[in-house]
N, C-alpha and C. Protein backbone atom coordinates (compact mmCIF):
# COMPACT_ATOMS: atom_id res chain seq x y z
N UNK A 1 147.03 -31.21 6.20
CA UNK A 1 147.54 -29.86 5.94
C UNK A 1 146.57 -29.17 4.97
N UNK A 2 146.09 -28.00 5.36
CA UNK A 2 145.13 -27.32 4.51
C UNK A 2 145.81 -26.70 3.31
N UNK A 3 145.06 -26.56 2.21
CA UNK A 3 145.58 -25.94 1.00
C UNK A 3 145.66 -24.43 1.21
N UNK A 4 146.70 -23.83 0.69
CA UNK A 4 146.87 -22.39 0.80
C UNK A 4 146.09 -21.72 -0.32
N UNK A 5 145.22 -20.81 0.04
CA UNK A 5 144.44 -20.08 -0.96
C UNK A 5 145.15 -18.77 -1.29
N UNK A 6 145.42 -18.56 -2.58
CA UNK A 6 146.02 -17.31 -3.04
C UNK A 6 144.90 -16.44 -3.57
N UNK A 7 144.72 -15.28 -2.97
CA UNK A 7 143.63 -14.37 -3.33
C UNK A 7 144.12 -13.29 -4.28
N UNK A 8 143.43 -13.14 -5.39
CA UNK A 8 143.71 -12.08 -6.35
C UNK A 8 143.00 -10.82 -5.87
N UNK A 9 143.77 -9.82 -5.43
CA UNK A 9 143.19 -8.58 -4.90
C UNK A 9 142.92 -7.57 -6.00
N UNK A 10 143.26 -7.91 -7.24
CA UNK A 10 143.07 -6.98 -8.35
C UNK A 10 144.26 -6.06 -8.49
N UNK A 11 144.40 -5.49 -9.67
CA UNK A 11 145.48 -4.52 -9.90
C UNK A 11 146.86 -5.13 -9.82
N UNK A 12 146.98 -6.45 -10.06
CA UNK A 12 148.29 -7.09 -10.04
C UNK A 12 148.81 -7.40 -8.65
N UNK A 13 147.93 -7.58 -7.68
CA UNK A 13 148.34 -7.90 -6.30
C UNK A 13 147.66 -9.20 -5.86
N UNK A 14 148.46 -10.12 -5.33
CA UNK A 14 147.96 -11.39 -4.79
C UNK A 14 148.37 -11.51 -3.33
N UNK A 15 147.54 -12.17 -2.53
CA UNK A 15 147.74 -12.26 -1.09
C UNK A 15 147.45 -13.68 -0.63
N UNK A 16 148.26 -14.18 0.30
CA UNK A 16 147.98 -15.48 0.92
C UNK A 16 148.45 -15.44 2.36
N UNK A 17 147.89 -16.33 3.17
CA UNK A 17 148.27 -16.40 4.58
C UNK A 17 148.65 -17.83 4.94
N UNK A 18 149.54 -17.93 5.91
CA UNK A 18 149.98 -19.21 6.47
C UNK A 18 150.16 -19.04 7.97
N UNK A 19 150.13 -20.12 8.73
CA UNK A 19 150.37 -20.00 10.17
C UNK A 19 151.72 -19.37 10.45
N UNK A 20 151.75 -18.56 11.51
CA UNK A 20 153.00 -17.91 11.90
C UNK A 20 154.09 -18.96 12.08
N UNK A 21 155.26 -18.77 11.44
CA UNK A 21 156.27 -19.83 11.45
C UNK A 21 157.01 -20.01 12.77
N UNK A 22 156.88 -19.05 13.70
CA UNK A 22 157.67 -19.14 14.93
C UNK A 22 156.82 -19.27 16.19
N UNK A 23 155.54 -18.96 16.13
CA UNK A 23 154.70 -19.03 17.32
C UNK A 23 154.00 -20.37 17.35
N UNK A 24 154.31 -21.20 18.32
CA UNK A 24 153.71 -22.54 18.44
C UNK A 24 153.21 -22.77 19.85
N UNK A 25 152.00 -23.30 20.10
CA UNK A 25 150.98 -23.45 19.06
C UNK A 25 150.42 -22.08 18.70
N UNK A 26 149.88 -21.93 17.51
CA UNK A 26 149.39 -20.63 17.11
C UNK A 26 148.14 -20.73 16.25
N UNK A 27 147.29 -19.75 16.41
CA UNK A 27 146.19 -19.56 15.47
C UNK A 27 146.44 -18.27 14.69
N UNK A 28 147.59 -17.67 14.93
CA UNK A 28 147.97 -16.43 14.25
C UNK A 28 148.45 -16.74 12.84
N UNK A 29 147.88 -16.06 11.86
CA UNK A 29 148.29 -16.23 10.48
C UNK A 29 149.00 -14.96 10.02
N UNK A 30 149.98 -15.15 9.15
CA UNK A 30 150.72 -14.00 8.62
C UNK A 30 150.52 -13.96 7.11
N UNK A 31 150.50 -12.73 6.59
CA UNK A 31 150.22 -12.53 5.18
C UNK A 31 151.47 -12.26 4.36
N UNK A 32 151.43 -12.70 3.12
CA UNK A 32 152.47 -12.44 2.13
C UNK A 32 151.80 -11.91 0.87
N UNK A 33 152.58 -11.23 0.04
CA UNK A 33 152.04 -10.62 -1.17
C UNK A 33 152.98 -10.83 -2.35
N UNK A 34 152.37 -10.94 -3.53
CA UNK A 34 153.08 -10.85 -4.81
C UNK A 34 152.45 -9.71 -5.58
N UNK A 35 153.28 -8.82 -6.11
CA UNK A 35 152.78 -7.62 -6.78
C UNK A 35 153.49 -7.47 -8.11
N UNK A 36 152.73 -7.26 -9.17
CA UNK A 36 153.31 -6.97 -10.48
C UNK A 36 153.42 -5.46 -10.63
N UNK A 37 154.59 -5.02 -11.04
CA UNK A 37 154.81 -3.59 -11.27
C UNK A 37 155.83 -3.43 -12.38
N UNK A 38 155.45 -2.70 -13.42
CA UNK A 38 156.37 -2.45 -14.52
C UNK A 38 156.91 -3.71 -15.18
N UNK A 39 156.12 -4.78 -15.23
CA UNK A 39 156.56 -6.02 -15.85
C UNK A 39 157.39 -6.91 -14.96
N UNK A 40 157.65 -6.49 -13.72
CA UNK A 40 158.43 -7.27 -12.76
C UNK A 40 157.56 -7.67 -11.58
N UNK A 41 158.14 -8.43 -10.67
CA UNK A 41 157.40 -8.93 -9.51
C UNK A 41 158.09 -8.53 -8.22
N UNK A 42 157.31 -8.05 -7.27
CA UNK A 42 157.79 -7.78 -5.92
C UNK A 42 157.08 -8.75 -4.99
N UNK A 43 157.84 -9.49 -4.21
CA UNK A 43 157.30 -10.35 -3.16
C UNK A 43 157.52 -9.66 -1.83
N UNK A 44 156.48 -9.55 -1.03
CA UNK A 44 156.60 -8.89 0.27
C UNK A 44 156.45 -9.92 1.38
N UNK A 45 157.48 -10.01 2.21
CA UNK A 45 157.52 -10.95 3.35
C UNK A 45 157.02 -12.34 2.95
N UNK A 46 157.57 -12.92 1.87
CA UNK A 46 157.00 -14.20 1.40
C UNK A 46 157.24 -15.34 2.38
N UNK A 47 156.21 -16.15 2.55
CA UNK A 47 156.27 -17.39 3.31
C UNK A 47 155.60 -18.45 2.46
N UNK A 48 156.32 -19.56 2.21
CA UNK A 48 155.80 -20.62 1.36
C UNK A 48 155.82 -21.95 2.09
N UNK A 49 154.91 -22.84 1.69
CA UNK A 49 155.06 -24.27 1.97
C UNK A 49 155.70 -24.94 0.76
N UNK A 50 155.30 -24.48 -0.44
CA UNK A 50 155.79 -25.04 -1.68
C UNK A 50 155.97 -23.89 -2.67
N UNK A 51 157.20 -23.41 -2.81
CA UNK A 51 157.45 -22.24 -3.64
C UNK A 51 157.04 -22.47 -5.09
N UNK A 52 157.13 -23.68 -5.57
CA UNK A 52 156.78 -23.97 -6.97
C UNK A 52 155.34 -23.58 -7.28
N UNK A 53 154.49 -23.63 -6.28
CA UNK A 53 153.09 -23.28 -6.49
C UNK A 53 152.92 -21.83 -6.93
N UNK A 54 153.90 -20.99 -6.61
CA UNK A 54 153.79 -19.56 -6.90
C UNK A 54 154.46 -19.18 -8.22
N UNK A 55 155.02 -20.14 -8.93
CA UNK A 55 155.66 -19.85 -10.22
C UNK A 55 154.75 -19.07 -11.17
N UNK A 56 153.44 -19.39 -11.25
CA UNK A 56 152.58 -18.65 -12.18
C UNK A 56 152.44 -17.16 -11.84
N UNK A 57 152.75 -16.77 -10.62
CA UNK A 57 152.63 -15.36 -10.23
C UNK A 57 153.87 -14.55 -10.60
N UNK A 58 154.94 -15.22 -11.01
CA UNK A 58 156.21 -14.53 -11.22
C UNK A 58 156.33 -14.08 -12.66
N UNK A 59 156.68 -12.81 -12.83
CA UNK A 59 156.99 -12.28 -14.16
C UNK A 59 158.16 -11.32 -14.04
N UNK A 60 159.00 -11.27 -15.07
CA UNK A 60 160.14 -10.37 -15.08
C UNK A 60 161.11 -10.66 -13.95
N UNK A 61 161.84 -9.62 -13.55
CA UNK A 61 162.79 -9.76 -12.44
C UNK A 61 162.03 -9.74 -11.12
N UNK A 62 162.64 -10.33 -10.10
CA UNK A 62 161.99 -10.47 -8.80
C UNK A 62 162.76 -9.70 -7.74
N UNK A 63 162.02 -8.91 -6.96
CA UNK A 63 162.55 -8.26 -5.77
C UNK A 63 161.81 -8.83 -4.57
N UNK A 64 162.57 -9.28 -3.58
CA UNK A 64 161.99 -9.81 -2.35
C UNK A 64 162.14 -8.73 -1.29
N UNK A 65 161.05 -8.05 -0.97
CA UNK A 65 161.08 -6.93 -0.01
C UNK A 65 160.66 -7.44 1.36
N UNK A 66 161.54 -7.24 2.34
CA UNK A 66 161.28 -7.70 3.70
C UNK A 66 161.05 -6.47 4.57
N UNK A 67 159.89 -6.42 5.22
CA UNK A 67 159.51 -5.22 5.97
C UNK A 67 160.29 -5.05 7.27
N UNK A 68 160.67 -6.16 7.89
CA UNK A 68 161.33 -6.09 9.20
C UNK A 68 162.19 -7.35 9.35
N UNK A 69 163.37 -7.26 9.96
CA UNK A 69 164.31 -8.39 9.90
C UNK A 69 163.75 -9.75 10.29
N UNK A 70 162.88 -9.85 11.29
CA UNK A 70 162.42 -11.18 11.65
C UNK A 70 161.28 -11.69 10.76
N UNK A 71 161.03 -10.99 9.64
CA UNK A 71 160.08 -11.48 8.64
C UNK A 71 160.81 -12.09 7.44
N UNK A 72 162.05 -12.54 7.61
CA UNK A 72 162.79 -13.11 6.47
C UNK A 72 162.10 -14.34 5.91
N UNK A 73 161.52 -15.17 6.76
CA UNK A 73 160.68 -16.30 6.38
C UNK A 73 161.27 -17.06 5.19
N UNK A 74 160.63 -17.02 4.02
CA UNK A 74 161.11 -17.77 2.85
C UNK A 74 161.89 -16.88 1.88
N UNK A 75 162.47 -15.79 2.36
CA UNK A 75 163.15 -14.83 1.48
C UNK A 75 164.30 -15.46 0.70
N UNK A 76 165.16 -16.20 1.38
CA UNK A 76 166.31 -16.79 0.71
C UNK A 76 165.86 -17.80 -0.35
N UNK A 77 164.85 -18.60 -0.03
CA UNK A 77 164.32 -19.58 -0.99
C UNK A 77 163.76 -18.87 -2.22
N UNK A 78 163.02 -17.77 -1.99
CA UNK A 78 162.44 -17.02 -3.11
C UNK A 78 163.53 -16.41 -3.98
N UNK A 79 164.53 -15.81 -3.35
CA UNK A 79 165.61 -15.17 -4.12
C UNK A 79 166.36 -16.20 -4.94
N UNK A 80 166.59 -17.38 -4.37
CA UNK A 80 167.30 -18.42 -5.10
C UNK A 80 166.44 -18.98 -6.25
N UNK A 81 165.20 -19.25 -5.99
CA UNK A 81 164.33 -19.88 -7.00
C UNK A 81 164.13 -18.97 -8.21
N UNK A 82 163.93 -17.67 -7.96
CA UNK A 82 163.61 -16.76 -9.06
C UNK A 82 164.72 -15.75 -9.33
N UNK A 83 165.94 -16.06 -8.86
CA UNK A 83 167.10 -15.20 -9.08
C UNK A 83 166.78 -13.75 -8.69
N UNK A 84 166.23 -13.62 -7.48
CA UNK A 84 165.77 -12.31 -7.02
C UNK A 84 166.76 -11.58 -6.15
N UNK A 85 166.45 -10.33 -5.93
CA UNK A 85 167.23 -9.43 -5.07
C UNK A 85 166.44 -9.23 -3.79
N UNK A 86 167.10 -9.37 -2.64
CA UNK A 86 166.46 -9.14 -1.34
C UNK A 86 166.75 -7.71 -0.90
N UNK A 87 165.68 -7.00 -0.50
CA UNK A 87 165.84 -5.63 -0.03
C UNK A 87 165.20 -5.48 1.34
N UNK A 88 165.77 -4.57 2.14
CA UNK A 88 165.24 -4.30 3.47
C UNK A 88 166.32 -3.72 4.37
N UNK A 89 166.07 -3.76 5.67
CA UNK A 89 167.02 -3.27 6.66
C UNK A 89 168.31 -4.10 6.61
N UNK A 90 169.49 -3.47 6.76
CA UNK A 90 170.74 -4.23 6.70
C UNK A 90 170.82 -5.41 7.67
N UNK A 91 170.11 -5.34 8.81
CA UNK A 91 170.16 -6.44 9.78
C UNK A 91 169.53 -7.74 9.26
N UNK A 92 168.86 -7.68 8.12
CA UNK A 92 168.35 -8.91 7.51
C UNK A 92 169.48 -9.92 7.29
N UNK A 93 170.65 -9.41 6.97
CA UNK A 93 171.77 -10.29 6.61
C UNK A 93 172.08 -11.29 7.71
N UNK A 94 171.85 -10.92 8.98
CA UNK A 94 172.14 -11.83 10.09
C UNK A 94 171.17 -13.00 10.15
N UNK A 95 170.04 -12.90 9.48
CA UNK A 95 169.03 -13.96 9.52
C UNK A 95 168.98 -14.76 8.22
N UNK A 96 169.86 -14.44 7.29
CA UNK A 96 169.89 -15.11 6.00
C UNK A 96 171.13 -15.99 5.90
N UNK A 97 171.13 -16.97 4.99
CA UNK A 97 172.31 -17.80 4.82
C UNK A 97 173.54 -16.96 4.45
N UNK A 98 174.69 -17.44 4.84
CA UNK A 98 175.94 -16.74 4.54
C UNK A 98 176.07 -16.53 3.04
N UNK A 99 176.50 -15.34 2.67
CA UNK A 99 176.71 -15.02 1.26
C UNK A 99 175.53 -14.38 0.57
N UNK A 100 174.35 -14.36 1.22
CA UNK A 100 173.17 -13.71 0.62
C UNK A 100 173.28 -12.20 0.87
N UNK A 101 173.18 -11.42 -0.19
CA UNK A 101 173.33 -9.97 -0.10
C UNK A 101 171.99 -9.30 0.13
N UNK A 102 171.98 -8.30 1.00
CA UNK A 102 170.79 -7.48 1.23
C UNK A 102 171.03 -6.11 0.60
N UNK A 103 170.07 -5.66 -0.20
CA UNK A 103 170.16 -4.35 -0.87
C UNK A 103 169.22 -3.37 -0.18
N UNK A 104 169.49 -2.09 -0.38
CA UNK A 104 168.66 -1.07 0.26
C UNK A 104 167.48 -0.65 -0.60
N UNK A 105 167.48 -1.04 -1.87
CA UNK A 105 166.35 -0.71 -2.74
C UNK A 105 166.30 -1.69 -3.90
N UNK A 106 165.23 -1.63 -4.65
CA UNK A 106 165.07 -2.49 -5.81
C UNK A 106 164.21 -1.78 -6.84
N UNK A 107 164.13 -2.31 -8.06
CA UNK A 107 163.35 -1.65 -9.11
C UNK A 107 161.87 -1.61 -8.77
N UNK A 108 161.27 -0.44 -8.97
CA UNK A 108 159.82 -0.30 -8.81
C UNK A 108 159.34 -0.14 -7.39
N UNK A 109 160.26 -0.03 -6.41
CA UNK A 109 159.82 0.12 -5.02
C UNK A 109 160.61 1.22 -4.33
N UNK A 110 160.05 1.69 -3.24
CA UNK A 110 160.75 2.60 -2.33
C UNK A 110 160.56 2.06 -0.92
N UNK A 111 161.59 2.16 -0.11
CA UNK A 111 161.52 1.73 1.29
C UNK A 111 161.55 2.97 2.17
N UNK A 112 160.59 3.07 3.08
CA UNK A 112 160.50 4.22 3.98
C UNK A 112 160.75 3.74 5.41
N UNK A 113 161.86 4.17 6.03
CA UNK A 113 162.15 3.71 7.39
C UNK A 113 161.22 4.35 8.41
N UNK A 114 160.91 3.59 9.45
CA UNK A 114 160.23 4.13 10.62
C UNK A 114 161.32 4.37 11.66
N UNK A 115 161.61 5.62 11.99
CA UNK A 115 162.71 5.90 12.93
C UNK A 115 162.57 5.11 14.23
N UNK A 116 163.72 4.73 14.78
CA UNK A 116 163.84 3.95 16.01
C UNK A 116 163.32 2.53 15.86
N UNK A 117 163.04 2.11 14.63
CA UNK A 117 162.60 0.74 14.35
C UNK A 117 163.40 0.23 13.18
N UNK A 118 163.46 -1.07 13.04
CA UNK A 118 164.12 -1.66 11.87
C UNK A 118 163.12 -1.95 10.77
N UNK A 119 161.88 -1.52 10.96
CA UNK A 119 160.85 -1.75 9.95
C UNK A 119 161.01 -0.78 8.79
N UNK A 120 160.77 -1.30 7.61
CA UNK A 120 160.74 -0.50 6.39
C UNK A 120 159.35 -0.63 5.79
N UNK A 121 158.68 0.49 5.54
CA UNK A 121 157.39 0.48 4.86
C UNK A 121 157.70 0.42 3.36
N UNK A 122 157.15 -0.58 2.69
CA UNK A 122 157.42 -0.80 1.28
C UNK A 122 156.36 -0.09 0.46
N UNK A 123 156.80 0.80 -0.43
CA UNK A 123 155.89 1.47 -1.35
C UNK A 123 156.09 0.84 -2.73
N UNK A 124 155.01 0.25 -3.26
CA UNK A 124 155.08 -0.42 -4.56
C UNK A 124 153.71 -0.32 -5.22
N UNK A 125 153.69 -0.07 -6.52
CA UNK A 125 152.45 0.12 -7.26
C UNK A 125 151.62 1.19 -6.53
N UNK A 126 150.36 0.90 -6.21
CA UNK A 126 149.53 1.91 -5.53
C UNK A 126 149.37 1.58 -4.05
N UNK A 127 150.37 0.90 -3.48
CA UNK A 127 150.21 0.38 -2.11
C UNK A 127 151.39 0.73 -1.21
N UNK A 128 151.08 0.81 0.08
CA UNK A 128 152.08 0.81 1.15
C UNK A 128 151.93 -0.50 1.90
N UNK A 129 153.05 -1.17 2.17
CA UNK A 129 153.01 -2.45 2.88
C UNK A 129 153.75 -2.31 4.20
N UNK A 130 153.08 -2.73 5.29
CA UNK A 130 153.64 -2.67 6.64
C UNK A 130 153.91 -4.07 7.16
N UNK A 131 154.97 -4.19 7.96
CA UNK A 131 155.28 -5.45 8.61
C UNK A 131 154.52 -5.60 9.92
N UNK A 132 154.89 -4.82 10.94
CA UNK A 132 154.29 -4.96 12.26
C UNK A 132 153.68 -3.67 12.81
N UNK A 133 154.14 -2.53 12.40
CA UNK A 133 153.72 -1.30 13.07
C UNK A 133 152.26 -0.99 12.82
N UNK A 134 151.75 -1.26 11.62
CA UNK A 134 150.33 -1.08 11.32
C UNK A 134 149.75 -2.44 10.97
N UNK A 135 148.65 -2.81 11.63
CA UNK A 135 148.02 -4.11 11.39
C UNK A 135 146.55 -3.90 11.04
N UNK A 136 145.96 -4.93 10.45
CA UNK A 136 144.53 -4.92 10.18
C UNK A 136 143.78 -5.55 11.34
N UNK A 137 142.72 -4.90 11.80
CA UNK A 137 141.88 -5.42 12.88
C UNK A 137 140.42 -5.38 12.41
N UNK A 138 139.50 -6.01 13.13
CA UNK A 138 138.08 -5.91 12.75
C UNK A 138 137.57 -4.46 12.74
N UNK A 139 138.27 -3.57 13.46
CA UNK A 139 137.87 -2.15 13.50
C UNK A 139 138.63 -1.29 12.51
N UNK A 140 139.44 -1.90 11.65
CA UNK A 140 140.23 -1.14 10.68
C UNK A 140 141.71 -1.21 11.02
N UNK A 141 142.49 -0.39 10.34
CA UNK A 141 143.93 -0.35 10.62
C UNK A 141 144.18 0.21 12.01
N UNK A 142 145.21 -0.32 12.67
CA UNK A 142 145.60 0.18 13.99
C UNK A 142 147.11 0.09 14.14
N UNK A 143 147.64 0.97 14.98
CA UNK A 143 149.04 0.86 15.39
C UNK A 143 149.15 -0.33 16.32
N UNK A 144 150.10 -1.20 16.04
CA UNK A 144 150.34 -2.34 16.93
C UNK A 144 151.40 -1.93 17.93
N UNK A 145 150.99 -1.77 19.18
CA UNK A 145 151.89 -1.23 20.20
C UNK A 145 152.86 -2.27 20.75
N UNK A 146 152.44 -3.52 20.84
CA UNK A 146 153.26 -4.58 21.44
C UNK A 146 153.76 -4.17 22.83
N UNK A 147 152.89 -3.52 23.57
CA UNK A 147 153.24 -3.00 24.89
C UNK A 147 152.75 -1.57 25.01
N UNK A 148 152.93 -1.01 26.18
CA UNK A 148 152.47 0.36 26.43
C UNK A 148 153.38 1.38 25.76
N UNK A 149 152.78 2.39 25.11
CA UNK A 149 153.55 3.47 24.50
C UNK A 149 153.45 4.71 25.37
N UNK A 150 154.58 5.34 25.64
CA UNK A 150 154.53 6.60 26.38
C UNK A 150 153.86 7.65 25.50
N UNK A 151 153.30 8.66 26.14
CA UNK A 151 152.62 9.72 25.39
C UNK A 151 153.60 10.41 24.44
N UNK A 152 154.81 10.66 24.94
CA UNK A 152 155.83 11.32 24.10
C UNK A 152 156.18 10.48 22.88
N UNK A 153 156.41 9.19 23.11
CA UNK A 153 156.77 8.32 21.98
C UNK A 153 155.61 8.17 21.01
N UNK A 154 154.38 8.09 21.52
CA UNK A 154 153.21 7.99 20.63
C UNK A 154 153.14 9.20 19.73
N UNK A 155 153.41 10.39 20.26
CA UNK A 155 153.40 11.60 19.44
C UNK A 155 154.48 11.53 18.36
N UNK A 156 155.67 11.04 18.74
CA UNK A 156 156.75 10.91 17.75
C UNK A 156 156.36 9.91 16.67
N UNK A 157 155.85 8.76 17.08
CA UNK A 157 155.47 7.72 16.13
C UNK A 157 154.39 8.22 15.18
N UNK A 158 153.38 8.90 15.73
CA UNK A 158 152.33 9.45 14.87
C UNK A 158 152.91 10.44 13.87
N UNK A 159 153.88 11.24 14.31
CA UNK A 159 154.51 12.20 13.40
C UNK A 159 155.23 11.49 12.27
N UNK A 160 155.97 10.43 12.59
CA UNK A 160 156.68 9.69 11.55
C UNK A 160 155.71 9.03 10.59
N UNK A 161 154.68 8.38 11.13
CA UNK A 161 153.72 7.70 10.27
C UNK A 161 152.89 8.69 9.46
N UNK A 162 152.62 9.87 10.02
CA UNK A 162 151.84 10.88 9.30
C UNK A 162 152.57 11.34 8.04
N UNK A 163 153.89 11.28 8.02
CA UNK A 163 154.65 11.66 6.82
C UNK A 163 154.30 10.76 5.64
N UNK A 164 153.90 9.52 5.92
CA UNK A 164 153.53 8.59 4.85
C UNK A 164 152.25 9.02 4.14
N UNK A 165 151.43 9.83 4.82
CA UNK A 165 150.18 10.30 4.21
C UNK A 165 150.44 11.21 3.02
N UNK A 166 151.66 11.72 2.89
CA UNK A 166 152.01 12.59 1.76
C UNK A 166 152.32 11.77 0.51
N UNK A 167 152.47 10.45 0.64
CA UNK A 167 152.80 9.59 -0.50
C UNK A 167 151.55 9.29 -1.33
N UNK A 168 151.77 8.84 -2.55
CA UNK A 168 150.68 8.50 -3.45
C UNK A 168 150.36 7.01 -3.32
N UNK A 169 149.27 6.67 -2.64
CA UNK A 169 148.89 5.28 -2.47
C UNK A 169 147.37 5.18 -2.29
N UNK A 170 146.83 4.03 -2.64
CA UNK A 170 145.41 3.75 -2.49
C UNK A 170 145.16 2.61 -1.51
N UNK A 171 146.11 1.65 -1.47
CA UNK A 171 145.93 0.45 -0.65
C UNK A 171 146.96 0.42 0.47
N UNK A 172 146.59 -0.25 1.54
CA UNK A 172 147.52 -0.52 2.64
C UNK A 172 147.53 -2.03 2.85
N UNK A 173 148.71 -2.62 2.65
CA UNK A 173 148.88 -4.06 2.77
C UNK A 173 149.50 -4.36 4.13
N UNK A 174 148.89 -5.26 4.86
CA UNK A 174 149.37 -5.61 6.19
C UNK A 174 149.75 -7.09 6.22
N UNK A 175 150.79 -7.42 6.98
CA UNK A 175 151.16 -8.83 7.11
C UNK A 175 150.44 -9.48 8.28
N UNK A 176 149.76 -8.68 9.09
CA UNK A 176 148.91 -9.18 10.17
C UNK A 176 147.53 -8.54 9.99
N UNK A 177 146.52 -9.37 9.74
CA UNK A 177 145.18 -8.84 9.53
C UNK A 177 144.91 -8.54 8.07
N UNK A 178 143.68 -8.08 7.81
CA UNK A 178 143.25 -7.85 6.44
C UNK A 178 143.83 -6.57 5.87
N UNK A 179 144.19 -6.59 4.57
CA UNK A 179 144.64 -5.35 3.91
C UNK A 179 143.46 -4.42 3.64
N UNK A 180 143.78 -3.17 3.37
CA UNK A 180 142.79 -2.17 2.96
C UNK A 180 142.98 -1.94 1.47
N UNK A 181 141.93 -2.15 0.67
CA UNK A 181 142.07 -2.13 -0.77
C UNK A 181 141.59 -0.85 -1.43
N UNK A 182 140.95 0.03 -0.66
CA UNK A 182 140.58 1.34 -1.21
C UNK A 182 140.55 2.34 -0.06
N UNK A 183 140.76 3.61 -0.40
CA UNK A 183 140.79 4.68 0.60
C UNK A 183 141.82 4.39 1.70
N UNK A 184 142.97 3.89 1.29
CA UNK A 184 144.01 3.55 2.25
C UNK A 184 144.51 4.73 3.06
N UNK A 185 144.55 5.90 2.43
CA UNK A 185 145.02 7.09 3.15
C UNK A 185 144.08 7.40 4.32
N UNK A 186 142.77 7.35 4.07
CA UNK A 186 141.81 7.61 5.14
C UNK A 186 141.92 6.54 6.23
N UNK A 187 142.15 5.29 5.84
CA UNK A 187 142.28 4.21 6.82
C UNK A 187 143.54 4.41 7.68
N UNK A 188 144.62 4.86 7.06
CA UNK A 188 145.85 5.10 7.82
C UNK A 188 145.67 6.31 8.75
N UNK A 189 144.99 7.34 8.28
CA UNK A 189 144.70 8.49 9.15
C UNK A 189 143.88 8.06 10.36
N UNK A 190 142.90 7.20 10.13
CA UNK A 190 142.06 6.72 11.23
C UNK A 190 142.88 5.92 12.23
N UNK A 191 143.85 5.16 11.75
CA UNK A 191 144.72 4.39 12.64
C UNK A 191 145.53 5.30 13.55
N UNK A 192 145.98 6.43 13.01
CA UNK A 192 146.78 7.36 13.79
C UNK A 192 145.94 8.06 14.87
N UNK A 193 144.64 8.18 14.61
CA UNK A 193 143.74 8.84 15.57
C UNK A 193 143.23 7.87 16.62
N UNK A 194 143.28 6.57 16.35
CA UNK A 194 142.69 5.56 17.26
C UNK A 194 143.71 5.11 18.29
N UNK A 195 143.21 4.45 19.33
CA UNK A 195 144.10 3.88 20.34
C UNK A 195 144.86 2.70 19.73
N UNK A 196 146.14 2.57 20.07
CA UNK A 196 146.90 1.40 19.59
C UNK A 196 146.34 0.12 20.20
N UNK A 197 146.66 -0.99 19.57
CA UNK A 197 146.24 -2.30 20.08
C UNK A 197 147.48 -3.11 20.46
């Protein structure tokens, strides 16, 4: 079993990847993040092999932000270990152990829904974090279509995503592919202009 490398992205953001927990066999890796903001910690779509290894990254209260319901991964374990609050779409509750509460927001973050999807774009510190709708590719950020998009729906989706360009952010964090650490607004604009993948 290979050792998990936790990368310090600067500005209080750490990133690590692990093999996709549901796709077997897979070479697909999924990303998780720990972010310090206002003396507290936000974990985005956390996936662990050994949660204790991440204890040094935790400070203050913990919010576990889940971008999309099927990204619950290690959310319940994280919330239990660090007495954290889980936030995201209400449908998360169906994928979590009985009695675990899902909140619609947490300290230091904002959740922005993508209409007609259960995905929530997490705004924290100077970053926007996406679950599946925007991914990192060798050519930059792209809309992940997961199938053919009608022209009408593509226009609607671009309109919804374009509203995010009005927010104050520098980085775009993706759970699939590499994050964008500077000029995130320009990278997101380029994704809206490019063909989906």
